[in-house]
Structures are given as C-alpha cells and as structure tokens.
Full PDB file with SEQRES, HELIX, SHEET, SSBOND, CRYST1, ORIGX, SCALE, CONECT and MASTER records, all heavy atoms in Angstrom:
SEQRES   1 A   42  PRO ASN GLY PHE LEU ILE ILE HIS GLU GLY LEU GLU MET          
SEQRES   2 A   42  LYS PRO ASP VAL GLN GLU GLY VAL THR THR TYR THR TYR          
SEQRES   3 A   42  ASN ARG ALA SER GLY ASP PHE HIS ALA GLU ASN ILE ARG          
SEQRES   4 A   42  ILE GLY ASN                                                  
SHEET    1 AA1 2 PHE A   4  HIS A   8  0                                        
SHEET    2 AA1 2 THR A  22  TYR A  26  1                                        
CRYST1    1.000    1.000    1.000  90.00  90.00  90.00 P 1           1          
ORIGX1      1.000000  0.000000  0.000000        0.00000                         
ORIGX2      0.000000  1.000000  0.000000        0.00000                         
ORIGX3      0.000000  0.000000  1.000000        0.00000                         
SCALE1      1.000000  0.000000  0.000000        0.00000                         
SCALE2      0.000000  1.000000  0.000000        0.00000                         
SCALE3      0.000000  0.000000  1.000000        0.00000                         
ATOM      1  N   PRO A   1      93.344  83.792 121.841  1.00  0.00           N  
ATOM      2  CA  PRO A   1      94.531  84.375 121.124  1.00  0.00           C  
ATOM      3  C   PRO A   1      95.601  83.358 120.734  1.00  0.00           C  
ATOM      4  O   PRO A   1      96.261  83.489 119.748  1.00  0.00           O  
ATOM      5  CB  PRO A   1      95.076  85.365 122.097  1.00  0.00           C  
ATOM      6  CG  PRO A   1      93.822  85.816 122.914  1.00  0.00           C  
ATOM      7  CD  PRO A   1      93.052  84.510 123.097  1.00  0.00           C  
ATOM      8  N   ASN A   2      95.778  82.229 121.457  1.00  0.00           N  
ATOM      9  CA  ASN A   2      96.688  81.241 121.154  1.00  0.00           C  
ATOM     10  C   ASN A   2      96.127  80.067 120.378  1.00  0.00           C  
ATOM     11  O   ASN A   2      96.741  79.004 120.271  1.00  0.00           O  
ATOM     12  CB  ASN A   2      97.445  80.736 122.405  1.00  0.00           C  
ATOM     13  CG  ASN A   2      96.451  80.074 123.367  1.00  0.00           C  
ATOM     14  OD1 ASN A   2      95.208  80.364 123.332  1.00  0.00           O  
ATOM     15  ND2 ASN A   2      96.909  79.199 124.162  1.00  0.00           N  
ATOM     16  N   GLY A   3      94.938  80.298 119.855  1.00  0.00           N  
ATOM     17  CA  GLY A   3      94.165  79.179 119.271  1.00  0.00           C  
ATOM     18  C   GLY A   3      94.288  79.074 117.781  1.00  0.00           C  
ATOM     19  O   GLY A   3      95.216  79.566 117.176  1.00  0.00           O  
ATOM     20  N   PHE A   4      93.275  78.358 117.198  1.00  0.00           N  
ATOM     21  CA  PHE A   4      93.383  77.950 115.812  1.00  0.00           C  
ATOM     22  C   PHE A   4      91.984  78.009 115.159  1.00  0.00           C  
ATOM     23  O   PHE A   4      91.019  77.712 115.777  1.00  0.00           O  
ATOM     24  CB  PHE A   4      93.837  76.489 115.661  1.00  0.00           C  
ATOM     25  CG  PHE A   4      95.214  76.227 116.314  1.00  0.00           C  
ATOM     26  CD1 PHE A   4      95.389  75.972 117.624  1.00  0.00           C  
ATOM     27  CD2 PHE A   4      96.330  76.290 115.443  1.00  0.00           C  
ATOM     28  CE1 PHE A   4      96.606  75.676 118.155  1.00  0.00           C  
ATOM     29  CE2 PHE A   4      97.632  76.030 115.995  1.00  0.00           C  
ATOM     30  CZ  PHE A   4      97.743  75.721 117.334  1.00  0.00           C  
ATOM     31  N   LEU A   5      91.984  78.485 113.931  1.00  0.00           N  
ATOM     32  CA  LEU A   5      90.817  78.466 113.045  1.00  0.00           C  
ATOM     33  C   LEU A   5      91.103  77.679 111.789  1.00  0.00           C  
ATOM     34  O   LEU A   5      92.104  77.952 111.122  1.00  0.00           O  
ATOM     35  CB  LEU A   5      90.387  79.916 112.662  1.00  0.00           C  
ATOM     36  CG  LEU A   5      89.262  80.011 111.626  1.00  0.00           C  
ATOM     37  CD1 LEU A   5      87.969  79.367 112.119  1.00  0.00           C  
ATOM     38  CD2 LEU A   5      89.020  81.447 111.232  1.00  0.00           C  
ATOM     39  N   ILE A   6      90.297  76.648 111.516  1.00  0.00           N  
ATOM     40  CA  ILE A   6      90.378  75.933 110.273  1.00  0.00           C  
ATOM     41  C   ILE A   6      89.099  76.150 109.545  1.00  0.00           C  
ATOM     42  O   ILE A   6      87.993  75.699 109.895  1.00  0.00           O  
ATOM     43  CB  ILE A   6      90.524  74.390 110.576  1.00  0.00           C  
ATOM     44  CG1 ILE A   6      91.654  74.134 111.508  1.00  0.00           C  
ATOM     45  CG2 ILE A   6      90.627  73.587 109.286  1.00  0.00           C  
ATOM     46  CD1 ILE A   6      91.351  73.792 112.891  1.00  0.00           C  
ATOM     47  N   ILE A   7      89.208  76.971 108.496  1.00  0.00           N  
ATOM     48  CA  ILE A   7      88.005  77.428 107.775  1.00  0.00           C  
ATOM     49  C   ILE A   7      87.965  76.805 106.287  1.00  0.00           C  
ATOM     50  O   ILE A   7      89.001  76.761 105.616  1.00  0.00           O  
ATOM     51  CB  ILE A   7      87.981  78.992 107.666  1.00  0.00           C  
ATOM     52  CG1 ILE A   7      86.715  79.465 107.044  1.00  0.00           C  
ATOM     53  CG2 ILE A   7      89.198  79.536 106.981  1.00  0.00           C  
ATOM     54  CD1 ILE A   7      86.480  80.985 107.229  1.00  0.00           C  
ATOM     55  N   HIS A   8      86.771  76.402 105.950  1.00  0.00           N  
ATOM     56  CA  HIS A   8      86.575  75.861 104.611  1.00  0.00           C  
ATOM     57  C   HIS A   8      86.873  76.914 103.534  1.00  0.00           C  
ATOM     58  O   HIS A   8      86.461  78.055 103.721  1.00  0.00           O  
ATOM     59  CB  HIS A   8      85.157  75.365 104.414  1.00  0.00           C  
ATOM     60  CG  HIS A   8      84.899  74.423 103.289  1.00  0.00           C  
ATOM     61  ND1 HIS A   8      84.871  74.988 101.998  1.00  0.00           N  
ATOM     62  CD2 HIS A   8      84.723  73.110 103.200  1.00  0.00           C  
ATOM     63  CE1 HIS A   8      84.652  73.928 101.152  1.00  0.00           C  
ATOM     64  NE2 HIS A   8      84.582  72.796 101.865  1.00  0.00           N  
ATOM     65  N   GLU A   9      87.587  76.551 102.484  1.00  0.00           N  
ATOM     66  CA  GLU A   9      87.898  77.461 101.417  1.00  0.00           C  
ATOM     67  C   GLU A   9      86.641  77.961 100.768  1.00  0.00           C  
ATOM     68  O   GLU A   9      85.649  77.220 100.653  1.00  0.00           O  
ATOM     69  CB  GLU A   9      88.777  76.806 100.399  1.00  0.00           C  
ATOM     70  CG  GLU A   9      90.269  76.823 100.789  1.00  0.00           C  
ATOM     71  CD  GLU A   9      91.085  76.464  99.570  1.00  0.00           C  
ATOM     72  OE1 GLU A   9      90.643  75.736  98.607  1.00  0.00           O  
ATOM     73  OE2 GLU A   9      92.257  76.881  99.540  1.00  0.00           O  
ATOM     74  N   GLY A  10      86.645  79.215 100.340  1.00  0.00           N  
ATOM     75  CA  GLY A  10      85.568  79.762  99.504  1.00  0.00           C  
ATOM     76  C   GLY A  10      84.364  80.264 100.188  1.00  0.00           C  
ATOM     77  O   GLY A  10      83.379  80.628  99.538  1.00  0.00           O  
ATOM     78  N   LEU A  11      84.380  80.391 101.520  1.00  0.00           N  
ATOM     79  CA  LEU A  11      83.183  80.834 102.238  1.00  0.00           C  
ATOM     80  C   LEU A  11      83.092  82.381 102.058  1.00  0.00           C  
ATOM     81  O   LEU A  11      84.057  83.056 101.982  1.00  0.00           O  
ATOM     82  CB  LEU A  11      83.261  80.562 103.734  1.00  0.00           C  
ATOM     83  CG  LEU A  11      83.420  79.021 104.085  1.00  0.00           C  
ATOM     84  CD1 LEU A  11      83.266  78.884 105.598  1.00  0.00           C  
ATOM     85  CD2 LEU A  11      82.438  78.187 103.359  1.00  0.00           C  
ATOM     86  N   GLU A  12      81.874  82.816 102.058  1.00  0.00           N  
ATOM     87  CA  GLU A  12      81.554  84.276 101.900  1.00  0.00           C  
ATOM     88  C   GLU A  12      81.981  85.063 103.168  1.00  0.00           C  
ATOM     89  O   GLU A  12      82.339  86.232 103.125  1.00  0.00           O  
ATOM     90  CB  GLU A  12      80.134  84.540 101.594  1.00  0.00           C  
ATOM     91  CG  GLU A  12      79.686  84.395 100.135  1.00  0.00           C  
ATOM     92  CD  GLU A  12      78.330  85.042  99.895  1.00  0.00           C  
ATOM     93  OE1 GLU A  12      78.242  86.254  99.828  1.00  0.00           O  
ATOM     94  OE2 GLU A  12      77.376  84.285  99.730  1.00  0.00           O  
ATOM     95  N   MET A  13      81.902  84.452 104.313  1.00  0.00           N  
ATOM     96  CA  MET A  13      82.164  85.144 105.529  1.00  0.00           C  
ATOM     97  C   MET A  13      83.681  85.479 105.618  1.00  0.00           C  
ATOM     98  O   MET A  13      84.522  84.755 105.080  1.00  0.00           O  
ATOM     99  CB  MET A  13      81.856  84.286 106.789  1.00  0.00           C  
ATOM    100  CG  MET A  13      82.634  83.056 106.902  1.00  0.00           C  
ATOM    101  SD  MET A  13      83.309  82.570 108.501  1.00  0.00           S  
ATOM    102  CE  MET A  13      83.697  83.963 109.405  1.00  0.00           C  
ATOM    103  N   LYS A  14      83.970  86.589 106.209  1.00  0.00           N  
ATOM    104  CA  LYS A  14      85.355  87.012 106.378  1.00  0.00           C  
ATOM    105  C   LYS A  14      85.724  86.948 107.851  1.00  0.00           C  
ATOM    106  O   LYS A  14      85.164  87.622 108.713  1.00  0.00           O  
ATOM    107  CB  LYS A  14      85.623  88.490 105.933  1.00  0.00           C  
ATOM    108  CG  LYS A  14      85.170  88.679 104.462  1.00  0.00           C  
ATOM    109  CD  LYS A  14      85.898  87.836 103.514  1.00  0.00           C  
ATOM    110  CE  LYS A  14      85.435  87.994 102.058  1.00  0.00           C  
ATOM    111  NZ  LYS A  14      85.965  86.985 101.144  1.00  0.00           N  
ATOM    112  N   PRO A  15      86.627  86.061 108.259  1.00  0.00           N  
ATOM    113  CA  PRO A  15      86.934  85.878 109.650  1.00  0.00           C  
ATOM    114  C   PRO A  15      87.664  87.058 110.232  1.00  0.00           C  
ATOM    115  O   PRO A  15      88.218  87.871 109.502  1.00  0.00           O  
ATOM    116  CB  PRO A  15      87.895  84.647 109.690  1.00  0.00           C  
ATOM    117  CG  PRO A  15      88.449  84.531 108.314  1.00  0.00           C  
ATOM    118  CD  PRO A  15      87.347  85.054 107.419  1.00  0.00           C  
ATOM    119  N   ASP A  16      87.503  87.197 111.523  1.00  0.00           N  
ATOM    120  CA  ASP A  16      88.104  88.378 112.282  1.00  0.00           C  
ATOM    121  C   ASP A  16      88.740  87.862 113.567  1.00  0.00           C  
ATOM    122  O   ASP A  16      88.149  88.128 114.634  1.00  0.00           O  
ATOM    123  CB  ASP A  16      86.974  89.397 112.547  1.00  0.00           C  
ATOM    124  CG  ASP A  16      87.480  90.663 113.238  1.00  0.00           C  
ATOM    125  OD1 ASP A  16      88.708  90.890 113.123  1.00  0.00           O  
ATOM    126  OD2 ASP A  16      86.747  91.330 113.925  1.00  0.00           O  
ATOM    127  N   VAL A  17      89.840  87.134 113.428  1.00  0.00           N  
ATOM    128  CA  VAL A  17      90.432  86.480 114.540  1.00  0.00           C  
ATOM    129  C   VAL A  17      91.337  87.448 115.341  1.00  0.00           C  
ATOM    130  O   VAL A  17      91.803  88.456 114.838  1.00  0.00           O  
ATOM    131  CB  VAL A  17      91.257  85.268 114.023  1.00  0.00           C  
ATOM    132  CG1 VAL A  17      90.343  84.224 113.414  1.00  0.00           C  
ATOM    133  CG2 VAL A  17      92.362  85.676 113.111  1.00  0.00           C  
ATOM    134  N   GLN A  18      91.477  87.084 116.593  1.00  0.00           N  
ATOM    135  CA  GLN A  18      92.426  87.895 117.424  1.00  0.00           C  
ATOM    136  C   GLN A  18      93.835  87.634 117.087  1.00  0.00           C  
ATOM    137  O   GLN A  18      94.168  86.671 116.444  1.00  0.00           O  
ATOM    138  CB  GLN A  18      92.179  87.516 118.943  1.00  0.00           C  
ATOM    139  CG  GLN A  18      90.694  87.782 119.426  1.00  0.00           C  
ATOM    140  CD  GLN A  18      90.586  87.344 120.897  1.00  0.00           C  
ATOM    141  OE1 GLN A  18      91.272  87.990 121.758  1.00  0.00           O  
ATOM    142  NE2 GLN A  18      89.720  86.401 121.232  1.00  0.00           N  
ATOM    143  N   GLU A  19      94.660  88.545 117.536  1.00  0.00           N  
ATOM    144  CA  GLU A  19      96.124  88.436 117.286  1.00  0.00           C  
ATOM    145  C   GLU A  19      96.611  87.155 118.022  1.00  0.00           C  
ATOM    146  O   GLU A  19      96.248  86.824 119.147  1.00  0.00           O  
ATOM    147  CB  GLU A  19      96.882  89.586 117.835  1.00  0.00           C  
ATOM    148  CG  GLU A  19      98.341  89.640 117.525  1.00  0.00           C  
ATOM    149  CD  GLU A  19      98.981  90.890 117.985  1.00  0.00           C  
ATOM    150  OE1 GLU A  19      98.309  91.877 118.380  1.00  0.00           O  
ATOM    151  OE2 GLU A  19     100.255  90.984 117.939  1.00  0.00           O  
ATOM    152  N   GLY A  20      97.445  86.346 117.259  1.00  0.00           N  
ATOM    153  CA  GLY A  20      97.922  85.149 117.779  1.00  0.00           C  
ATOM    154  C   GLY A  20      97.209  83.902 117.406  1.00  0.00           C  
ATOM    155  O   GLY A  20      97.672  82.752 117.645  1.00  0.00           O  
ATOM    156  N   VAL A  21      96.026  84.042 116.755  1.00  0.00           N  
ATOM    157  CA  VAL A  21      95.292  82.916 116.268  1.00  0.00           C  
ATOM    158  C   VAL A  21      95.873  82.455 114.935  1.00  0.00           C  
ATOM    159  O   VAL A  21      96.074  83.255 114.003  1.00  0.00           O  
ATOM    160  CB  VAL A  21      93.779  83.227 116.043  1.00  0.00           C  
ATOM    161  CG1 VAL A  21      93.063  82.099 115.337  1.00  0.00           C  
ATOM    162  CG2 VAL A  21      93.139  83.515 117.422  1.00  0.00           C  
ATOM    163  N   THR A  22      96.195  81.179 114.798  1.00  0.00           N  
ATOM    164  CA  THR A  22      96.686  80.575 113.588  1.00  0.00           C  
ATOM    165  C   THR A  22      95.483  80.184 112.747  1.00  0.00           C  
ATOM    166  O   THR A  22      94.617  79.390 113.158  1.00  0.00           O  
ATOM    167  CB  THR A  22      97.564  79.358 113.874  1.00  0.00           C  
ATOM    168  OG1 THR A  22      98.699  79.756 114.683  1.00  0.00           O  
ATOM    169  CG2 THR A  22      98.114  78.786 112.552  1.00  0.00           C  
ATOM    170  N   THR A  23      95.440  80.687 111.466  1.00  0.00           N  
ATOM    171  CA  THR A  23      94.381  80.329 110.567  1.00  0.00           C  
ATOM    172  C   THR A  23      94.791  79.393 109.441  1.00  0.00           C  
ATOM    173  O   THR A  23      95.802  79.703 108.763  1.00  0.00           O  
ATOM    174  CB  THR A  23      93.732  81.646 109.989  1.00  0.00           C  
ATOM    175  OG1 THR A  23      93.221  82.437 111.001  1.00  0.00           O  
ATOM    176  CG2 THR A  23      92.523  81.268 109.019  1.00  0.00           C  
ATOM    177  N   TYR A  24      94.090  78.377 109.275  1.00  0.00           N  
ATOM    178  CA  TYR A  24      94.326  77.401 108.196  1.00  0.00           C  
ATOM    179  C   TYR A  24      93.050  77.267 107.304  1.00  0.00           C  
ATOM    180  O   TYR A  24      91.929  77.581 107.797  1.00  0.00           O  
ATOM    181  CB  TYR A  24      94.639  75.983 108.771  1.00  0.00           C  
ATOM    182  CG  TYR A  24      95.885  75.742 109.529  1.00  0.00           C  
ATOM    183  CD1 TYR A  24      95.799  75.546 110.862  1.00  0.00           C  
ATOM    184  CD2 TYR A  24      97.110  75.830 108.943  1.00  0.00           C  
ATOM    185  CE1 TYR A  24      96.963  75.392 111.646  1.00  0.00           C  
ATOM    186  CE2 TYR A  24      98.324  75.668 109.641  1.00  0.00           C  
ATOM    187  CZ  TYR A  24      98.211  75.355 111.017  1.00  0.00           C  
ATOM    188  OH  TYR A  24      99.368  75.243 111.763  1.00  0.00           O  
ATOM    189  N   THR A  25      93.215  76.850 106.087  1.00  0.00           N  
ATOM    190  CA  THR A  25      92.062  76.556 105.200  1.00  0.00           C  
ATOM    191  C   THR A  25      91.988  75.046 104.929  1.00  0.00           C  
ATOM    192  O   THR A  25      93.030  74.307 105.133  1.00  0.00           O  
ATOM    193  CB  THR A  25      92.242  77.242 103.853  1.00  0.00           C  
ATOM    194  OG1 THR A  25      93.414  76.856 103.192  1.00  0.00           O  
ATOM    195  CG2 THR A  25      92.197  78.784 104.033  1.00  0.00           C  
ATOM    196  N   TYR A  26      90.800  74.611 104.539  1.00  0.00           N  
ATOM    197  CA  TYR A  26      90.690  73.195 104.173  1.00  0.00           C  
ATOM    198  C   TYR A  26      89.697  73.049 103.118  1.00  0.00           C  
ATOM    199  O   TYR A  26      88.804  73.878 102.930  1.00  0.00           O  
ATOM    200  CB  TYR A  26      90.408  72.272 105.368  1.00  0.00           C  
ATOM    201  CG  TYR A  26      88.921  72.216 105.782  1.00  0.00           C  
ATOM    202  CD1 TYR A  26      88.132  71.140 105.421  1.00  0.00           C  
ATOM    203  CD2 TYR A  26      88.297  73.223 106.519  1.00  0.00           C  
ATOM    204  CE1 TYR A  26      86.776  71.084 105.873  1.00  0.00           C  
ATOM    205  CE2 TYR A  26      86.965  73.251 106.893  1.00  0.00           C  
ATOM    206  CZ  TYR A  26      86.235  72.151 106.575  1.00  0.00           C  
ATOM    207  OH  TYR A  26      84.911  72.058 106.942  1.00  0.00           O  
ATOM    208  N   ASN A  27      89.765  71.969 102.336  1.00  0.00           N  
ATOM    209  CA  ASN A  27      88.783  71.654 101.288  1.00  0.00           C  
ATOM    210  C   ASN A  27      89.096  70.192 100.841  1.00  0.00           C  
ATOM    211  O   ASN A  27      90.114  69.596 101.263  1.00  0.00           O  
ATOM    212  CB  ASN A  27      88.941  72.625 100.145  1.00  0.00           C  
ATOM    213  CG  ASN A  27      87.663  72.717  99.301  1.00  0.00           C  
ATOM    214  OD1 ASN A  27      86.796  71.820  99.392  1.00  0.00           O  
ATOM    215  ND2 ASN A  27      87.522  73.794  98.496  1.00  0.00           N  
ATOM    216  N   ARG A  28      88.192  69.667 100.006  1.00  0.00           N  
ATOM    217  CA  ARG A  28      88.508  68.320  99.560  1.00  0.00           C  
ATOM    218  C   ARG A  28      89.791  68.245  98.698  1.00  0.00           C  
ATOM    219  O   ARG A  28      90.543  67.343  98.900  1.00  0.00           O  
ATOM    220  CB  ARG A  28      87.323  67.849  98.696  1.00  0.00           C  
ATOM    221  CG  ARG A  28      87.499  66.463  98.045  1.00  0.00           C  
ATOM    222  CD  ARG A  28      86.223  65.869  97.481  1.00  0.00           C  
ATOM    223  NE  ARG A  28      86.401  64.780  96.664  1.00  0.00           N  
ATOM    224  CZ  ARG A  28      85.483  63.865  96.343  1.00  0.00           C  
ATOM    225  NH1 ARG A  28      84.281  63.978  96.893  1.00  0.00           N  
ATOM    226  NH2 ARG A  28      85.697  62.881  95.533  1.00  0.00           N  
ATOM    227  N   ALA A  29      89.996  69.205  97.788  1.00  0.00           N  
ATOM    228  CA  ALA A  29      91.050  69.099  96.860  1.00  0.00           C  
ATOM    229  C   ALA A  29      92.158  70.153  97.003  1.00  0.00           C  
ATOM    230  O   ALA A  29      93.170  70.163  96.331  1.00  0.00           O  
ATOM    231  CB  ALA A  29      90.560  69.159  95.392  1.00  0.00           C  
ATOM    232  N   SER A  30      91.919  71.155  97.905  1.00  0.00           N  
ATOM    233  CA  SER A  30      92.929  72.174  98.065  1.00  0.00           C  
ATOM    234  C   SER A  30      92.850  72.821  99.467  1.00  0.00           C  
ATOM    235  O   SER A  30      91.972  72.365 100.237  1.00  0.00           O  
ATOM    236  CB  SER A  30      92.706  73.313  97.024  1.00  0.00           C  
ATOM    237  OG  SER A  30      91.361  73.854  97.131  1.00  0.00           O  
ATOM    238  N   GLY A  31      93.740  73.731  99.780  1.00  0.00           N  
ATOM    239  CA  GLY A  31      93.798  74.288 101.122  1.00  0.00           C  
ATOM    240  C   GLY A  31      94.952  73.759 101.901  1.00  0.00           C  
ATOM    241  O   GLY A  31      95.594  72.824 101.465  1.00  0.00           O  
ATOM    242  N   ASP A  32      95.176  74.272 103.034  1.00  0.00           N  
ATOM    243  CA  ASP A  32      96.297  73.812 103.882  1.00  0.00           C  
ATOM    244  C   ASP A  32      96.114  72.342 104.264  1.00  0.00           C  
ATOM    245  O   ASP A  32      97.020  71.551 104.265  1.00  0.00           O  
ATOM    246  CB  ASP A  32      96.386  74.618 105.199  1.00  0.00           C  
ATOM    247  CG  ASP A  32      96.703  76.179 104.873  1.00  0.00           C  
ATOM    248  OD1 ASP A  32      97.608  76.395 104.122  1.00  0.00           O  
ATOM    249  OD2 ASP A  32      96.016  77.009 105.434  1.00  0.00           O  
ATOM    250  N   PHE A  33      94.861  71.974 104.601  1.00  0.00           N  
ATOM    251  CA  PHE A  33      94.494  70.584 104.831  1.00  0.00           C  
ATOM    252  C   PHE A  33      93.590  70.144 103.632  1.00  0.00           C  
ATOM    253  O   PHE A  33      92.630  70.834 103.287  1.00  0.00           O  
ATOM    254  CB  PHE A  33      93.632  70.413 106.055  1.00  0.00           C  
ATOM    255  CG  PHE A  33      94.387  70.807 107.359  1.00  0.00           C  
ATOM    256  CD1 PHE A  33      94.255  72.102 107.884  1.00  0.00           C  
ATOM    257  CD2 PHE A  33      95.155  69.881 108.040  1.00  0.00           C  
ATOM    258  CE1 PHE A  33      94.920  72.449 109.030  1.00  0.00           C  
ATOM    259  CE2 PHE A  33      95.787  70.267 109.239  1.00  0.00           C  
ATOM    260  CZ  PHE A  33      95.677  71.546 109.706  1.00  0.00           C  
ATOM    261  N   HIS A  34      93.974  68.997 102.968  1.00  0.00           N  
ATOM    262  CA  HIS A  34      93.123  68.561 101.883  1.00  0.00           C  
ATOM    263  C   HIS A  34      93.419  67.033 101.589  1.00  0.00           C  
ATOM    264  O   HIS A  34      94.296  66.486 102.302  1.00  0.00           O  
ATOM    265  CB  HIS A  34      93.354  69.381 100.611  1.00  0.00           C  
ATOM    266  CG  HIS A  34      94.743  69.249 100.030  1.00  0.00           C  
ATOM    267  ND1 HIS A  34      95.772  70.085 100.411  1.00  0.00           N  
ATOM    268  CD2 HIS A  34      95.286  68.533  99.049  1.00  0.00           C  
ATOM    269  CE1 HIS A  34      96.821  69.826  99.741  1.00  0.00           C  
ATOM    270  NE2 HIS A  34      96.573  68.812  98.902  1.00  0.00           N  
ATOM    271  N   ALA A  35      92.757  66.515 100.632  1.00  0.00           N  
ATOM    272  CA  ALA A  35      92.914  65.073 100.300  1.00  0.00           C  
ATOM    273  C   ALA A  35      93.556  64.967  98.928  1.00  0.00           C  
ATOM    274  O   ALA A  35      93.357  65.800  98.033  1.00  0.00           O  
ATOM    275  CB  ALA A  35      91.626  64.370 100.274  1.00  0.00           C  
ATOM    276  N   GLU A  36      94.389  63.927  98.761  1.00  0.00           N  
ATOM    277  CA  GLU A  36      94.988  63.599  97.512  1.00  0.00           C  
ATOM    278  C   GLU A  36      94.874  62.073  97.296  1.00  0.00           C  
ATOM    279  O   GLU A  36      94.639  61.369  98.282  1.00  0.00           O  
ATOM    280  CB  GLU A  36      96.477  64.000  97.412  1.00  0.00           C  
ATOM    281  CG  GLU A  36      96.670  65.505  97.345  1.00  0.00           C  
ATOM    282  CD  GLU A  36      98.152  65.953  97.138  1.00  0.00           C  
ATOM    283  OE1 GLU A  36      98.990  65.004  97.160  1.00  0.00           O  
ATOM    284  OE2 GLU A  36      98.465  67.150  97.105  1.00  0.00           O  
ATOM    285  N   ASN A  37      95.041  61.638  96.057  1.00  0.00           N  
ATOM    286  CA  ASN A  37      95.053  60.202  95.700  1.00  0.00           C  
ATOM    287  C   ASN A  37      93.732  59.517  96.266  1.00  0.00           C  
ATOM    288  O   ASN A  37      93.875  58.460  96.923  1.00  0.00           O  
ATOM    289  CB  ASN A  37      96.328  59.560  96.312  1.00  0.00           C  
ATOM    290  CG  ASN A  37      96.547  58.154  95.845  1.00  0.00           C  
ATOM    291  OD1 ASN A  37      96.053  57.761  94.737  1.00  0.00           O  
ATOM    292  ND2 ASN A  37      97.236  57.307  96.663  1.00  0.00           N  
ATOM    293  N   ILE A  38      92.653  60.146  95.979  1.00  0.00           N  
ATOM    294  CA  ILE A  38      91.319  59.610  96.376  1.00  0.00           C  
ATOM    295  C   ILE A  38      90.958  58.325  95.588  1.00  0.00           C  
ATOM    296  O   ILE A  38      91.011  58.341  94.336  1.00  0.00           O  
ATOM    297  CB  ILE A  38      90.217  60.661  96.315  1.00  0.00           C  
ATOM    298  CG1 ILE A  38      90.568  61.892  97.199  1.00  0.00           C  
ATOM    299  CG2 ILE A  38      88.888  60.088  96.677  1.00  0.00           C  
ATOM    300  CD1 ILE A  38      89.580  63.009  96.967  1.00  0.00           C  
ATOM    301  N   ARG A  39      90.665  57.243  96.298  1.00  0.00           N  
ATOM    302  CA  ARG A  39      90.276  55.972  95.611  1.00  0.00           C  
ATOM    303  C   ARG A  39      88.836  55.563  96.149  1.00  0.00           C  
ATOM    304  O   ARG A  39      88.676  55.375  97.336  1.00  0.00           O  
ATOM    305  CB  ARG A  39      91.243  54.875  95.986  1.00  0.00           C  
ATOM    306  CG  ARG A  39      92.651  55.037  95.251  1.00  0.00           C  
ATOM    307  CD  ARG A  39      93.730  54.573  96.173  1.00  0.00           C  
ATOM    308  NE  ARG A  39      94.132  55.613  97.120  1.00  0.00           N  
ATOM    309  CZ  ARG A  39      94.939  55.387  98.124  1.00  0.00           C  
ATOM    310  NH1 ARG A  39      95.398  54.191  98.392  1.00  0.00           N  
ATOM    311  NH2 ARG A  39      95.243  56.405  99.005  1.00  0.00           N  
ATOM    312  N   ILE A  40      87.862  55.537  95.185  1.00  0.00           N  
ATOM    313  CA  ILE A  40      86.485  55.165  95.518  1.00  0.00           C  
ATOM    314  C   ILE A  40      86.135  53.919  94.705  1.00  0.00           C  
ATOM    315  O   ILE A  40      86.243  53.873  93.525  1.00  0.00           O  
ATOM    316  CB  ILE A  40      85.564  56.306  95.224  1.00  0.00           C  
ATOM    317  CG1 ILE A  40      85.917  57.559  95.985  1.00  0.00           C  
ATOM    318  CG2 ILE A  40      84.107  55.868  95.555  1.00  0.00           C  
ATOM    319  CD1 ILE A  40      85.056  58.779  95.627  1.00  0.00           C  
ATOM    320  N   GLY A  41      85.758  52.883  95.393  1.00  0.00           N  
ATOM    321  CA  GLY A  41      85.391  51.649  94.766  1.00  0.00           C  
ATOM    322  C   GLY A  41      85.199  50.492  95.690  1.00  0.00           C  
ATOM    323  O   GLY A  41      85.731  50.458  96.803  1.00  0.00           O  
ATOM    324  N   ASN A  42      84.415  49.482  95.296  1.00  0.00           N  
ATOM    325  CA  ASN A  42      84.187  48.321  96.076  1.00  0.00           C  
ATOM    326  C   ASN A  42      83.675  48.664  97.509  1.00  0.00           C  
ATOM    327  O   ASN A  42      83.944  47.988  98.495  1.00  0.00           O  
ATOM    328  CB  ASN A  42      85.418  47.446  96.269  1.00  0.00           C  
ATOM    329  CG  ASN A  42      85.951  46.906  94.901  1.00  0.00           C  
ATOM    330  OD1 ASN A  42      85.107  46.497  94.069  1.00  0.00           O  
ATOM    331  ND2 ASN A  42      87.232  47.012  94.683  1.00  0.00           N  
TER     332      ASN A  42                                                      
MASTER        0    0    0    0    2    0    0    6  331    1    0    4          
END                                                                             
C-alpha cells in the first residue's frame, strides 16, 4: 500500500493497485519518467 508502480505507457493491461500506491508512467519520449535531448553517434 505504501509502494510504487512505474508502468510503461500504452500497455493494454489496466493496473489495479491498492490504496496508497503511487503510480507513475514511463516511456522513451513521454510519461512521468522519460528521456530528452537524446544524442546518438560515435
């Protein structure tokens, strides 16, 4: 109940967390946790 769920954005499953669980989303480009200013090279 005092825990955390970090779930990938866009999943078909619907979470069913207990009261008191903090839920966040994540993805490469969006969500509560995500990446910006990605640099790929060398």
